Amino acid sequence: MSPARHGAPRTLLWPAIIAAVSLTGLFGALLGDGAWDGLGALMLGVATLAPVAGVFVSRRRSAP
């Protein structure tokens, strides 16, 4: 599927998901204690690694 066929909602879907996960992780880590610290660190790690994973997936799809 060519990039021209994607609309704005589909283009902004993953950045919005990453933003929501990172904000939830940030608030969880800052405002909670105990398990919330671990959950917040996990969510911030996922939000950090998601763009890296996206690059590898897109390269794998475009490989001949």
N, C-alpha and C. Protein backbone atom coordinates (compact mmCIF):
# COMPACT_ATOMS: atom_id res chain seq x y z
N MET A 1 0.84 -1.17 0.00
CA MET A 1 0.00 0.00 0.00
C MET A 1 0.88 1.23 0.00
N SER A 2 0.61 2.16 -0.88
CA SER A 2 1.43 3.35 -0.99
C SER A 2 1.11 4.33 0.14
N PRO A 3 2.10 5.14 0.52
CA PRO A 3 1.85 6.11 1.59
C PRO A 3 0.78 7.13 1.23
N ALA A 4 0.56 7.39 -0.06
CA ALA A 4 -0.44 8.37 -0.46
C ALA A 4 -1.86 7.92 -0.13
N ARG A 5 -2.07 6.63 0.05
CA ARG A 5 -3.40 6.11 0.34
C ARG A 5 -3.75 6.21 1.83
N HIS A 6 -2.78 6.51 2.66
CA HIS A 6 -3.03 6.63 4.09
C HIS A 6 -3.53 8.04 4.40
N GLY A 7 -4.54 8.12 5.23
CA GLY A 7 -5.04 9.42 5.65
C GLY A 7 -4.35 9.89 6.92
N ALA A 8 -4.72 11.07 7.35
CA ALA A 8 -4.13 11.64 8.56
C ALA A 8 -4.42 10.79 9.81
N PRO A 9 -5.63 10.25 9.98
CA PRO A 9 -5.86 9.46 11.19
C PRO A 9 -4.94 8.24 11.28
N ARG A 10 -4.72 7.57 10.17
CA ARG A 10 -3.85 6.39 10.20
C ARG A 10 -2.39 6.80 10.41
N THR A 11 -2.00 7.92 9.86
CA THR A 11 -0.63 8.41 10.01
C THR A 11 -0.34 8.78 11.46
N LEU A 12 -1.32 9.33 12.13
CA LEU A 12 -1.12 9.80 13.50
C LEU A 12 -1.46 8.77 14.56
N LEU A 13 -1.89 7.59 14.17
CA LEU A 13 -2.32 6.58 15.13
C LEU A 13 -1.18 6.14 16.04
N TRP A 14 -0.07 5.69 15.47
CA TRP A 14 1.03 5.19 16.31
C TRP A 14 1.67 6.28 17.16
N PRO A 15 1.91 7.48 16.64
CA PRO A 15 2.43 8.53 17.54
C PRO A 15 1.48 8.84 18.70
N ALA A 16 0.18 8.79 18.45
CA ALA A 16 -0.78 9.04 19.53
C ALA A 16 -0.74 7.92 20.56
N ILE A 17 -0.61 6.68 20.12
CA ILE A 17 -0.51 5.54 21.05
C ILE A 17 0.77 5.65 21.86
N ILE A 18 1.88 5.96 21.21
CA ILE A 18 3.15 6.10 21.93
C ILE A 18 3.08 7.24 22.94
N ALA A 19 2.44 8.35 22.57
CA ALA A 19 2.30 9.47 23.50
C ALA A 19 1.46 9.08 24.70
N ALA A 20 0.36 8.36 24.48
CA ALA A 20 -0.51 7.95 25.58
C ALA A 20 0.21 6.99 26.52
N VAL A 21 0.95 6.04 25.96
CA VAL A 21 1.68 5.08 26.80
C VAL A 21 2.77 5.79 27.60
N SER A 22 3.50 6.71 26.96
CA SER A 22 4.57 7.39 27.68
C SER A 22 4.02 8.32 28.76
N LEU A 23 2.92 9.01 28.49
CA LEU A 23 2.33 9.87 29.52
C LEU A 23 1.79 9.06 30.69
N THR A 24 1.15 7.95 30.40
CA THR A 24 0.65 7.08 31.46
C THR A 24 1.81 6.55 32.30
N GLY A 25 2.88 6.13 31.64
CA GLY A 25 4.05 5.65 32.36
C GLY A 25 4.70 6.73 33.19
N LEU A 26 4.76 7.93 32.66
CA LEU A 26 5.36 9.04 33.39
C LEU A 26 4.56 9.38 34.64
N PHE A 27 3.24 9.50 34.49
CA PHE A 27 2.42 9.80 35.66
C PHE A 27 2.43 8.65 36.66
N GLY A 28 2.42 7.43 36.17
CA GLY A 28 2.47 6.29 37.08
C GLY A 28 3.76 6.25 37.88
N ALA A 29 4.87 6.53 37.23
CA ALA A 29 6.16 6.50 37.91
C ALA A 29 6.34 7.67 38.86
N LEU A 30 5.79 8.83 38.49
CA LEU A 30 5.97 10.01 39.34
C LEU A 30 5.02 10.04 40.53
N LEU A 31 3.79 9.59 40.34
CA LEU A 31 2.78 9.74 41.38
C LEU A 31 2.57 8.48 42.23
N GLY A 32 2.97 7.34 41.73
CA GLY A 32 2.74 6.11 42.47
C GLY A 32 4.01 5.58 43.12
N ASP A 33 3.82 4.60 43.96
CA ASP A 33 4.94 3.94 44.61
C ASP A 33 4.82 2.44 44.41
N GLY A 34 5.91 1.75 44.62
CA GLY A 34 5.89 0.29 44.54
C GLY A 34 5.68 -0.21 43.12
N ALA A 35 4.57 -0.88 42.91
CA ALA A 35 4.28 -1.48 41.60
C ALA A 35 4.13 -0.41 40.52
N TRP A 36 3.63 0.76 40.89
CA TRP A 36 3.47 1.83 39.90
C TRP A 36 4.81 2.27 39.33
N ASP A 37 5.86 2.24 40.14
CA ASP A 37 7.19 2.59 39.64
C ASP A 37 7.64 1.61 38.56
N GLY A 38 7.46 0.33 38.82
CA GLY A 38 7.83 -0.68 37.84
C GLY A 38 6.99 -0.60 36.58
N LEU A 39 5.69 -0.39 36.75
CA LEU A 39 4.79 -0.27 35.61
C LEU A 39 5.13 0.98 34.80
N GLY A 40 5.43 2.06 35.48
CA GLY A 40 5.81 3.29 34.79
C GLY A 40 7.10 3.14 34.02
N ALA A 41 8.08 2.48 34.61
CA ALA A 41 9.34 2.24 33.91
C ALA A 41 9.14 1.34 32.70
N LEU A 42 8.29 0.34 32.84
CA LEU A 42 7.99 -0.55 31.71
C LEU A 42 7.32 0.21 30.57
N MET A 43 6.35 1.03 30.90
CA MET A 43 5.64 1.79 29.88
C MET A 43 6.55 2.81 29.20
N LEU A 44 7.42 3.45 29.96
CA LEU A 44 8.36 4.39 29.35
C LEU A 44 9.36 3.66 28.46
N GLY A 45 9.76 2.47 28.86
CA GLY A 45 10.66 1.67 28.02
C GLY A 45 10.00 1.24 26.73
N VAL A 46 8.74 0.83 26.81
CA VAL A 46 8.00 0.44 25.61
C VAL A 46 7.85 1.63 24.68
N ALA A 47 7.53 2.78 25.23
CA ALA A 47 7.36 3.98 24.42
C ALA A 47 8.68 4.41 23.78
N THR A 48 9.79 4.12 24.43
CA THR A 48 11.10 4.47 23.88
C THR A 48 11.51 3.51 22.78
N LEU A 49 11.21 2.23 22.94
CA LEU A 49 11.64 1.23 21.97
C LEU A 49 10.68 1.07 20.79
N ALA A 50 9.48 1.56 20.88
CA ALA A 50 8.49 1.40 19.81
C ALA A 50 8.96 2.02 18.48
N PRO A 51 9.51 3.23 18.46
CA PRO A 51 9.98 3.76 17.17
C PRO A 51 11.14 2.95 16.58
N VAL A 52 12.01 2.42 17.44
CA VAL A 52 13.11 1.59 16.96
C VAL A 52 12.57 0.32 16.32
N ALA A 53 11.59 -0.30 16.96
CA ALA A 53 10.97 -1.49 16.39
C ALA A 53 10.27 -1.17 15.08
N GLY A 54 9.65 -0.01 14.99
CA GLY A 54 8.99 0.40 13.76
C GLY A 54 9.95 0.54 12.59
N VAL A 55 11.15 1.03 12.86
CA VAL A 55 12.15 1.15 11.80
C VAL A 55 12.54 -0.23 11.29
N PHE A 56 12.76 -1.18 12.20
CA PHE A 56 13.14 -2.53 11.79
C PHE A 56 12.02 -3.21 11.01
N VAL A 57 10.78 -3.02 11.43
CA VAL A 57 9.65 -3.62 10.72
C VAL A 57 9.51 -3.03 9.33
N SER A 58 9.65 -1.71 9.19
CA SER A 58 9.51 -1.09 7.88
C SER A 58 10.65 -1.49 6.96
N ARG A 59 11.84 -1.65 7.48
CA ARG A 59 12.96 -2.10 6.65
C ARG A 59 12.77 -3.54 6.19
N ARG A 60 12.22 -4.35 7.07
CA ARG A 60 11.99 -5.75 6.73
C ARG A 60 10.92 -5.87 5.65
N ARG A 61 9.89 -5.04 5.71
CA ARG A 61 8.84 -5.06 4.70
C ARG A 61 9.31 -4.58 3.35
N SER A 62 10.23 -3.62 3.34
CA SER A 62 10.70 -3.06 2.07
C SER A 62 11.87 -3.82 1.48
N ALA A 63 12.41 -4.81 2.18
CA ALA A 63 13.52 -5.60 1.67
C ALA A 63 13.04 -6.48 0.50
N PRO A 64 13.89 -6.61 -0.52
CA PRO A 64 13.47 -7.38 -1.70
C PRO A 64 13.38 -8.87 -1.45
